[in-house]
Amino acid sequence: MTRLDRRRQGIAIALSALAGYVDAIAFIASGGYFVSFMSGNSTRLGVALAGGEIVGIVSLLIAAFVGGVIVASLAGGNSSRGGRKRVMLLVAGLLVAAAGSAGFVSVPVTLALAAAAMGAENGVFADGGDALGLTYMTGALVKIGQRLASAMTGGPRLAWLPYALLWAGLIAGGIAGGLAHAGLGLHALWPAALVALLLAPFVGRGEAVADSPPSVTDPCPSPTRQPGL
């Protein structure tokens, strides 16, 4: 997160909010499954297997998510500005397909398209195949804790803030998604597709801030680079 300049940090927060929005809609529509939070789905898969239950929908969502990551990695190439824009257009296209399929195909198929979109979204800020996680917040919460601990022992006071804002973006999106589903059902995916399309021209502008030397937006750099957040 802190490897990005401030403008692109803002875009990352917006993408996190988009993920929270889509995930909330899918969670409600599916009765408790996720399209962006694959740790939760993996736990549910394990519990279902232990109980001898049918695992069709959760397996489908996990496979679709991974498929979206694969296609985004191929489309993004070397993470050039043009590659990032292609990935964002892929996200928008998959969300359009998900929204357009609502009511015409089974709910699991619609949600699989949404899961593929969320998998692809994680490739927007890929760096040499190492993607910034935008649809799951475990890494961000770990960074918040680490940066707060550093602040308590004399380190930079606000190094935790970018990660907290990323997490808050997901929460805000979840609130919006829950409210939108109440009124529109799965058709609430249309605004998500529109937002993804509007973000596409912006994700390719600017460059990632180099890891070394650390930038002013990374007041508490890790001694070694860590994958993801």
C-alpha atoms as a PDB file:
ATOM      1  CA  MET A   1       0.000   0.000   0.000  1.00  0.00           C
ATOM      2  CA  THR A   2       2.714   2.453   0.974  1.00  0.00           C
ATOM      3  CA  ARG A   3       4.607   1.650  -2.232  1.00  0.00           C
ATOM      4  CA  LEU A   4       1.962   3.685  -4.080  1.00  0.00           C
ATOM      5  CA  ASP A   5       1.813   7.458  -4.285  1.00  0.00           C
ATOM      6  CA  ARG A   6      -1.051   9.239  -2.539  1.00  0.00           C
ATOM      7  CA  ARG A   7      -3.254   9.459  -5.622  1.00  0.00           C
ATOM      8  CA  ARG A   8      -2.982   5.756  -6.306  1.00  0.00           C
ATOM      9  CA  GLN A   9      -3.499   4.967  -2.640  1.00  0.00           C
ATOM     10  CA  GLY A  10      -6.831   6.723  -3.084  1.00  0.00           C
ATOM     11  CA  ILE A  11      -7.620   4.523  -6.076  1.00  0.00           C
ATOM     12  CA  ALA A  12      -6.709   1.436  -4.037  1.00  0.00           C
ATOM     13  CA  ILE A  13      -9.121   2.528  -1.307  1.00  0.00           C
ATOM     14  CA  ALA A  14     -11.859   3.035  -3.920  1.00  0.00           C
ATOM     15  CA  LEU A  15     -11.195  -0.460  -5.288  1.00  0.00           C
ATOM     16  CA  SER A  16     -11.367  -1.874  -1.783  1.00  0.00           C
ATOM     17  CA  ALA A  17     -14.748  -0.198  -1.350  1.00  0.00           C
ATOM     18  CA  LEU A  18     -15.848  -1.711  -4.664  1.00  0.00           C
ATOM     19  CA  ALA A  19     -14.848  -5.156  -3.392  1.00  0.00           C
ATOM     20  CA  GLY A  20     -16.768  -4.655  -0.153  1.00  0.00           C
ATOM     21  CA  TYR A  21     -19.818  -3.553  -2.119  1.00  0.00           C
ATOM     22  CA  VAL A  22     -19.786  -6.582  -4.429  1.00  0.00           C
ATOM     23  CA  ASP A  23     -18.989  -9.005  -1.615  1.00  0.00           C
ATOM     24  CA  ALA A  24     -21.878  -7.762   0.516  1.00  0.00           C
ATOM     25  CA  ILE A  25     -24.323  -8.258  -2.347  1.00  0.00           C
ATOM     26  CA  ALA A  26     -23.022 -11.763  -3.013  1.00  0.00           C
ATOM     27  CA  PHE A  27     -22.998 -12.698   0.674  1.00  0.00           C
ATOM     28  CA  ILE A  28     -26.665 -11.799   1.034  1.00  0.00           C
ATOM     29  CA  ALA A  29     -27.738 -13.326  -2.282  1.00  0.00           C
ATOM     30  CA  SER A  30     -25.937 -16.617  -1.652  1.00  0.00           C
ATOM     31  CA  GLY A  31     -26.903 -17.028   1.980  1.00  0.00           C
ATOM     32  CA  GLY A  32     -23.406 -16.661   3.400  1.00  0.00           C
ATOM     33  CA  TYR A  33     -20.772 -17.170   0.711  1.00  0.00           C
ATOM     34  CA  PHE A  34     -18.195 -14.660  -0.509  1.00  0.00           C
ATOM     35  CA  VAL A  35     -16.922 -13.586  -3.913  1.00  0.00           C
ATOM     36  CA  SER A  36     -13.835 -11.714  -2.701  1.00  0.00           C
ATOM     37  CA  PHE A  37     -12.963 -13.241   0.680  1.00  0.00           C
ATOM     38  CA  MET A  38     -11.615 -16.666  -0.253  1.00  0.00           C
ATOM     39  CA  SER A  39     -10.265 -17.394   3.246  1.00  0.00           C
ATOM     40  CA  GLY A  40     -13.861 -17.445   4.479  1.00  0.00           C
ATOM     41  CA  ASN A  41     -14.941 -19.633   1.581  1.00  0.00           C
ATOM     42  CA  SER A  42     -12.020 -21.998   2.181  1.00  0.00           C
ATOM     43  CA  THR A  43     -13.040 -22.408   5.827  1.00  0.00           C
ATOM     44  CA  ARG A  44     -16.617 -23.064   4.761  1.00  0.00           C
ATOM     45  CA  LEU A  45     -15.355 -25.607   2.234  1.00  0.00           C
ATOM     46  CA  GLY A  46     -13.419 -27.419   4.943  1.00  0.00           C
ATOM     47  CA  VAL A  47     -16.392 -27.469   7.302  1.00  0.00           C
ATOM     48  CA  ALA A  48     -18.663 -28.726   4.518  1.00  0.00           C
ATOM     49  CA  LEU A  49     -16.246 -31.501   3.598  1.00  0.00           C
ATOM     50  CA  ALA A  50     -15.972 -32.524   7.241  1.00  0.00           C
ATOM     51  CA  GLY A  51     -19.748 -32.800   7.436  1.00  0.00           C
ATOM     52  CA  GLY A  52     -20.116 -34.639   4.148  1.00  0.00           C
ATOM     53  CA  GLU A  53     -22.083 -31.759   2.612  1.00  0.00           C
ATOM     54  CA  ILE A  54     -22.337 -30.748  -1.030  1.00  0.00           C
ATOM     55  CA  VAL A  55     -19.648 -28.152  -1.790  1.00  0.00           C
ATOM     56  CA  GLY A  56     -20.645 -27.129  -5.304  1.00  0.00           C
ATOM     57  CA  ILE A  57     -21.207 -23.379  -4.921  1.00  0.00           C
ATOM     58  CA  VAL A  58     -18.233 -22.664  -2.676  1.00  0.00           C
ATOM     59  CA  SER A  59     -15.923 -24.684  -4.934  1.00  0.00           C
ATOM     60  CA  LEU A  60     -17.273 -22.815  -7.948  1.00  0.00           C
ATOM     61  CA  LEU A  61     -16.612 -19.432  -6.326  1.00  0.00           C
ATOM     62  CA  ILE A  62     -13.054 -20.331  -5.341  1.00  0.00           C
ATOM     63  CA  ALA A  63     -12.293 -21.662  -8.827  1.00  0.00           C
ATOM     64  CA  ALA A  64     -13.798 -18.563 -10.464  1.00  0.00           C
ATOM     65  CA  PHE A  65     -11.760 -16.261  -8.216  1.00  0.00           C
ATOM     66  CA  VAL A  66      -8.517 -18.039  -9.104  1.00  0.00           C
ATOM     67  CA  GLY A  67      -9.516 -17.977 -12.752  1.00  0.00           C
ATOM     68  CA  GLY A  68      -9.973 -14.219 -12.559  1.00  0.00           C
ATOM     69  CA  VAL A  69      -6.494 -13.868 -11.049  1.00  0.00           C
ATOM     70  CA  ILE A  70      -5.001 -15.938 -13.869  1.00  0.00           C
ATOM     71  CA  VAL A  71      -6.691 -13.973 -16.646  1.00  0.00           C
ATOM     72  CA  ALA A  72      -5.777 -10.647 -15.021  1.00  0.00           C
ATOM     73  CA  SER A  73      -2.146 -11.723 -14.688  1.00  0.00           C
ATOM     74  CA  LEU A  74      -2.051 -12.582 -18.380  1.00  0.00           C
ATOM     75  CA  ALA A  75      -3.840  -9.372 -19.370  1.00  0.00           C
ATOM     76  CA  GLY A  76      -1.701  -7.158 -17.147  1.00  0.00           C
ATOM     77  CA  GLY A  77       1.578  -8.247 -18.693  1.00  0.00           C
ATOM     78  CA  ASN A  78       4.430  -6.437 -16.937  1.00  0.00           C
ATOM     79  CA  SER A  79       2.075  -4.176 -14.966  1.00  0.00           C
ATOM     80  CA  SER A  80       2.590  -1.282 -17.348  1.00  0.00           C
ATOM     81  CA  ARG A  81       0.099   1.545 -17.282  1.00  0.00           C
ATOM     82  CA  GLY A  82      -1.660   0.024 -20.286  1.00  0.00           C
ATOM     83  CA  GLY A  83      -1.661  -3.362 -18.566  1.00  0.00           C
ATOM     84  CA  ARG A  84      -3.285  -1.984 -15.434  1.00  0.00           C
ATOM     85  CA  LYS A  85      -5.981  -0.348 -17.530  1.00  0.00           C
ATOM     86  CA  ARG A  86      -6.640  -3.635 -19.336  1.00  0.00           C
ATOM     87  CA  VAL A  87      -7.026  -5.392 -16.008  1.00  0.00           C
ATOM     88  CA  MET A  88      -9.501  -2.770 -14.792  1.00  0.00           C
ATOM     89  CA  LEU A  89     -11.501  -3.080 -18.004  1.00  0.00           C
ATOM     90  CA  LEU A  90     -11.522  -6.843 -17.464  1.00  0.00           C
ATOM     91  CA  VAL A  91     -12.950  -6.277 -13.968  1.00  0.00           C
ATOM     92  CA  ALA A  92     -15.612  -3.980 -15.407  1.00  0.00           C
ATOM     93  CA  GLY A  93     -16.478  -6.464 -18.153  1.00  0.00           C
ATOM     94  CA  LEU A  94     -16.890  -9.331 -15.701  1.00  0.00           C
ATOM     95  CA  LEU A  95     -19.104  -7.202 -13.476  1.00  0.00           C
ATOM     96  CA  VAL A  96     -21.215  -6.212 -16.493  1.00  0.00           C
ATOM     97  CA  ALA A  97     -21.560  -9.908 -17.321  1.00  0.00           C
ATOM     98  CA  ALA A  98     -22.530 -10.698 -13.726  1.00  0.00           C
ATOM     99  CA  ALA A  99     -25.090  -7.896 -13.549  1.00  0.00           C
ATOM    100  CA  GLY A 100     -26.501  -8.713 -16.976  1.00  0.00           C
ATOM    101  CA  SER A 101     -26.872 -12.393 -16.137  1.00  0.00           C
ATOM    102  CA  ALA A 102     -28.953 -11.745 -13.008  1.00  0.00           C
ATOM    103  CA  GLY A 103     -32.407 -13.225 -13.487  1.00  0.00           C
ATOM    104  CA  PHE A 104     -31.397 -15.154 -16.621  1.00  0.00           C
ATOM    105  CA  VAL A 105     -29.071 -17.764 -15.137  1.00  0.00           C
ATOM    106  CA  SER A 106     -28.795 -19.421 -11.752  1.00  0.00           C
ATOM    107  CA  VAL A 107     -27.513 -17.330  -8.852  1.00  0.00           C
ATOM    108  CA  PRO A 108     -24.285 -19.366  -8.516  1.00  0.00           C
ATOM    109  CA  VAL A 109     -23.356 -18.565 -12.133  1.00  0.00           C
ATOM    110  CA  THR A 110     -23.920 -14.841 -11.568  1.00  0.00           C
ATOM    111  CA  LEU A 111     -21.853 -14.975  -8.402  1.00  0.00           C
ATOM    112  CA  ALA A 112     -19.088 -16.918 -10.150  1.00  0.00           C
ATOM    113  CA  LEU A 113     -18.744 -14.062 -12.650  1.00  0.00           C
ATOM    114  CA  ALA A 114     -18.577 -11.615  -9.756  1.00  0.00           C
ATOM    115  CA  ALA A 115     -15.934 -13.789  -8.057  1.00  0.00           C
ATOM    116  CA  ALA A 116     -13.861 -13.800 -11.232  1.00  0.00           C
ATOM    117  CA  ALA A 117     -14.097  -9.990 -11.270  1.00  0.00           C
ATOM    118  CA  MET A 118     -12.867  -9.793  -7.691  1.00  0.00           C
ATOM    119  CA  GLY A 119      -9.982 -12.139  -8.433  1.00  0.00           C
ATOM    120  CA  ALA A 120      -9.033  -9.979 -11.402  1.00  0.00           C
ATOM    121  CA  GLU A 121      -9.221  -6.802  -9.305  1.00  0.00           C
ATOM    122  CA  ASN A 122      -6.268  -7.982  -7.233  1.00  0.00           C
ATOM    123  CA  GLY A 123      -4.130  -7.712 -10.371  1.00  0.00           C
ATOM    124  CA  VAL A 124      -4.689  -3.977 -10.827  1.00  0.00           C
ATOM    125  CA  PHE A 125      -1.628  -3.070  -8.758  1.00  0.00           C
ATOM    126  CA  ALA A 126       0.431  -6.176  -9.489  1.00  0.00           C
ATOM    127  CA  ASP A 127       4.197  -5.701  -9.308  1.00  0.00           C
ATOM    128  CA  GLY A 128       6.193  -8.436 -10.939  1.00  0.00           C
ATOM    129  CA  GLY A 129       3.439 -10.939 -10.206  1.00  0.00           C
ATOM    130  CA  ASP A 130       3.154  -9.802  -6.567  1.00  0.00           C
ATOM    131  CA  ALA A 131      -0.301  -8.217  -6.335  1.00  0.00           C
ATOM    132  CA  LEU A 132      -1.550  -5.731  -3.787  1.00  0.00           C
ATOM    133  CA  GLY A 133      -4.523  -7.414  -2.129  1.00  0.00           C
ATOM    134  CA  LEU A 134      -7.593  -5.227  -2.548  1.00  0.00           C
ATOM    135  CA  THR A 135     -10.408  -7.634  -1.754  1.00  0.00           C
ATOM    136  CA  TYR A 136      -9.255  -9.045   1.590  1.00  0.00           C
ATOM    137  CA  MET A 137      -8.059  -7.174   4.657  1.00  0.00           C
ATOM    138  CA  THR A 138      -6.158  -9.661   6.827  1.00  0.00           C
ATOM    139  CA  GLY A 139      -2.831  -8.277   5.610  1.00  0.00           C
ATOM    140  CA  ALA A 140      -4.001  -4.701   6.111  1.00  0.00           C
ATOM    141  CA  LEU A 141      -5.067  -5.401   9.687  1.00  0.00           C
ATOM    142  CA  VAL A 142      -1.702  -7.014  10.409  1.00  0.00           C
ATOM    143  CA  LYS A 143       0.027  -3.901   9.061  1.00  0.00           C
ATOM    144  CA  ILE A 144      -2.200  -1.673  11.201  1.00  0.00           C
ATOM    145  CA  GLY A 145      -1.186  -3.609  14.296  1.00  0.00           C
ATOM    146  CA  GLN A 146       2.501  -3.547  13.386  1.00  0.00           C
ATOM    147  CA  ARG A 147       2.480   0.185  12.655  1.00  0.00           C
ATOM    148  CA  LEU A 148       0.581   0.961  15.872  1.00  0.00           C
ATOM    149  CA  ALA A 149       3.124  -1.055  17.832  1.00  0.00           C
ATOM    150  CA  SER A 150       5.893   0.915  16.130  1.00  0.00           C
ATOM    151  CA  ALA A 151       4.163   4.200  17.004  1.00  0.00           C
ATOM    152  CA  MET A 152       3.943   3.131  20.655  1.00  0.00           C
ATOM    153  CA  THR A 153       7.704   2.596  20.759  1.00  0.00           C
ATOM    154  CA  GLY A 154       8.692   5.903  19.197  1.00  0.00           C
ATOM    155  CA  GLY A 155       8.114   5.177  15.520  1.00  0.00           C
ATOM    156  CA  PRO A 156       6.080   7.284  13.058  1.00  0.00           C
ATOM    157  CA  ARG A 157       2.675   8.066  14.498  1.00  0.00           C
ATOM    158  CA  LEU A 158       0.598   7.777  11.331  1.00  0.00           C
ATOM    159  CA  ALA A 159       2.243   4.916   9.462  1.00  0.00           C
ATOM    160  CA  TRP A 160      -0.849   2.789  10.154  1.00  0.00           C
ATOM    161  CA  LEU A 161      -3.259   5.235   8.518  1.00  0.00           C
ATOM    162  CA  PRO A 162      -3.062   4.132   4.834  1.00  0.00           C
ATOM    163  CA  TYR A 163      -3.890   0.565   5.842  1.00  0.00           C
ATOM    164  CA  ALA A 164      -6.706   1.709   8.110  1.00  0.00           C
ATOM    165  CA  LEU A 165      -8.200   3.692   5.240  1.00  0.00           C
ATOM    166  CA  LEU A 166      -7.963   0.651   2.967  1.00  0.00           C
ATOM    167  CA  TRP A 167      -9.835  -1.404   5.576  1.00  0.00           C
ATOM    168  CA  ALA A 168     -12.389   1.372   6.096  1.00  0.00           C
ATOM    169  CA  GLY A 169     -12.997   1.433   2.342  1.00  0.00           C
ATOM    170  CA  LEU A 170     -14.008  -2.224   2.411  1.00  0.00           C
ATOM    171  CA  ILE A 171     -16.368  -1.599   5.335  1.00  0.00           C
ATOM    172  CA  ALA A 172     -17.954   1.420   3.628  1.00  0.00           C
ATOM    173  CA  GLY A 173     -18.449  -0.607   0.463  1.00  0.00           C
ATOM    174  CA  GLY A 174     -20.040  -3.409   2.461  1.00  0.00           C
ATOM    175  CA  ILE A 175     -22.535  -0.976   3.978  1.00  0.00           C
ATOM    176  CA  ALA A 176     -23.405   0.407   0.547  1.00  0.00           C
ATOM    177  CA  GLY A 177     -23.713  -3.081  -0.930  1.00  0.00           C
ATOM    178  CA  GLY A 178     -26.038  -4.267   1.821  1.00  0.00           C
ATOM    179  CA  LEU A 179     -28.287  -1.270   1.336  1.00  0.00           C
ATOM    180  CA  ALA A 180     -28.231  -1.609  -2.456  1.00  0.00           C
ATOM    181  CA  HIS A 181     -29.146  -5.295  -2.361  1.00  0.00           C
ATOM    182  CA  ALA A 182     -32.152  -4.526  -0.182  1.00  0.00           C
ATOM    183  CA  GLY A 183     -33.601  -2.406  -2.964  1.00  0.00           C
ATOM    184  CA  LEU A 184     -32.211  -3.956  -6.145  1.00  0.00           C
ATOM    185  CA  GLY A 185     -31.187  -7.532  -5.414  1.00  0.00           C
ATOM    186  CA  LEU A 186     -28.461  -8.788  -7.742  1.00  0.00           C
ATOM    187  CA  HIS A 187     -29.194  -5.899 -10.104  1.00  0.00           C
ATOM    188  CA  ALA A 188     -27.254  -3.817  -7.571  1.00  0.00           C
ATOM    189  CA  LEU A 189     -24.177  -5.161  -9.385  1.00  0.00           C
ATOM    190  CA  TRP A 190     -24.797  -2.641 -12.180  1.00  0.00           C
ATOM    191  CA  PRO A 191     -23.502   0.349 -10.170  1.00  0.00           C
ATOM    192  CA  ALA A 192     -20.389  -1.691  -9.342  1.00  0.00           C
ATOM    193  CA  ALA A 193     -19.776  -2.318 -13.035  1.00  0.00           C
ATOM    194  CA  LEU A 194     -20.191   1.394 -13.761  1.00  0.00           C
ATOM    195  CA  VAL A 195     -17.736   2.381 -11.026  1.00  0.00           C
ATOM    196  CA  ALA A 196     -15.179  -0.135 -12.325  1.00  0.00           C
ATOM    197  CA  LEU A 197     -15.547   1.271 -15.823  1.00  0.00           C
ATOM    198  CA  LEU A 198     -15.119   4.850 -14.590  1.00  0.00           C
ATOM    199  CA  LEU A 199     -11.989   3.898 -12.640  1.00  0.00           C
ATOM    200  CA  ALA A 200     -10.299   2.254 -15.627  1.00  0.00           C
ATOM    201  CA  PRO A 201      -8.813   5.474 -17.112  1.00  0.00           C
ATOM    202  CA  PHE A 202      -7.291   6.424 -13.765  1.00  0.00           C
ATOM    203  CA  VAL A 203      -5.550   3.232 -12.679  1.00  0.00           C
ATOM    204  CA  GLY A 204      -2.973   3.494 -15.454  1.00  0.00           C
ATOM    205  CA  ARG A 205      -1.823   6.991 -14.595  1.00  0.00           C
ATOM    206  CA  GLY A 206       1.275   7.564 -12.507  1.00  0.00           C
ATOM    207  CA  GLU A 207       3.807   5.026 -11.379  1.00  0.00           C
ATOM    208  CA  ALA A 208       4.269   2.983  -8.245  1.00  0.00           C
ATOM    209  CA  VAL A 209       6.598   4.580  -5.758  1.00  0.00           C
ATOM    210  CA  ALA A 210       9.862   2.676  -5.586  1.00  0.00           C
ATOM    211  CA  ASP A 211      10.453   0.463  -2.605  1.00  0.00           C
ATOM    212  CA  SER A 212      13.914   1.930  -2.052  1.00  0.00           C
ATOM    213  CA  PRO A 213      14.564   4.587  -1.047  1.00  0.00           C
ATOM    214  CA  PRO A 214      11.271   4.774   0.934  1.00  0.00           C
ATOM    215  CA  SER A 215       8.947   7.592  -0.040  1.00  0.00           C
ATOM    216  CA  VAL A 216       7.377  10.175   2.204  1.00  0.00           C
ATOM    217  CA  THR A 217       4.169   8.108   2.049  1.00  0.00           C
ATOM    218  CA  ASP A 218       5.992   5.171   3.622  1.00  0.00           C
ATOM    219  CA  PRO A 219       7.201   6.558   6.936  1.00  0.00           C
ATOM    220  CA  CYS A 220       7.673   3.133   8.459  1.00  0.00           C
ATOM    221  CA  PRO A 221       9.126   0.833   5.785  1.00  0.00           C
ATOM    222  CA  SER A 222       9.613  -2.829   6.528  1.00  0.00           C
ATOM    223  CA  PRO A 223      13.223  -4.032   6.604  1.00  0.00           C
ATOM    224  CA  THR A 224      12.399  -6.493   3.850  1.00  0.00           C
ATOM    225  CA  ARG A 225       9.751  -6.378   1.206  1.00  0.00           C
ATOM    226  CA  GLN A 226       6.744  -8.510   1.992  1.00  0.00           C
ATOM    227  CA  PRO A 227       4.205  -9.814  -0.521  1.00  0.00           C
ATOM    228  CA  GLY A 228       0.742  -8.302  -0.704  1.00  0.00           C
ATOM    229  CA  LEU A 229      -0.074  -5.777   2.046  1.00  0.00           C
END
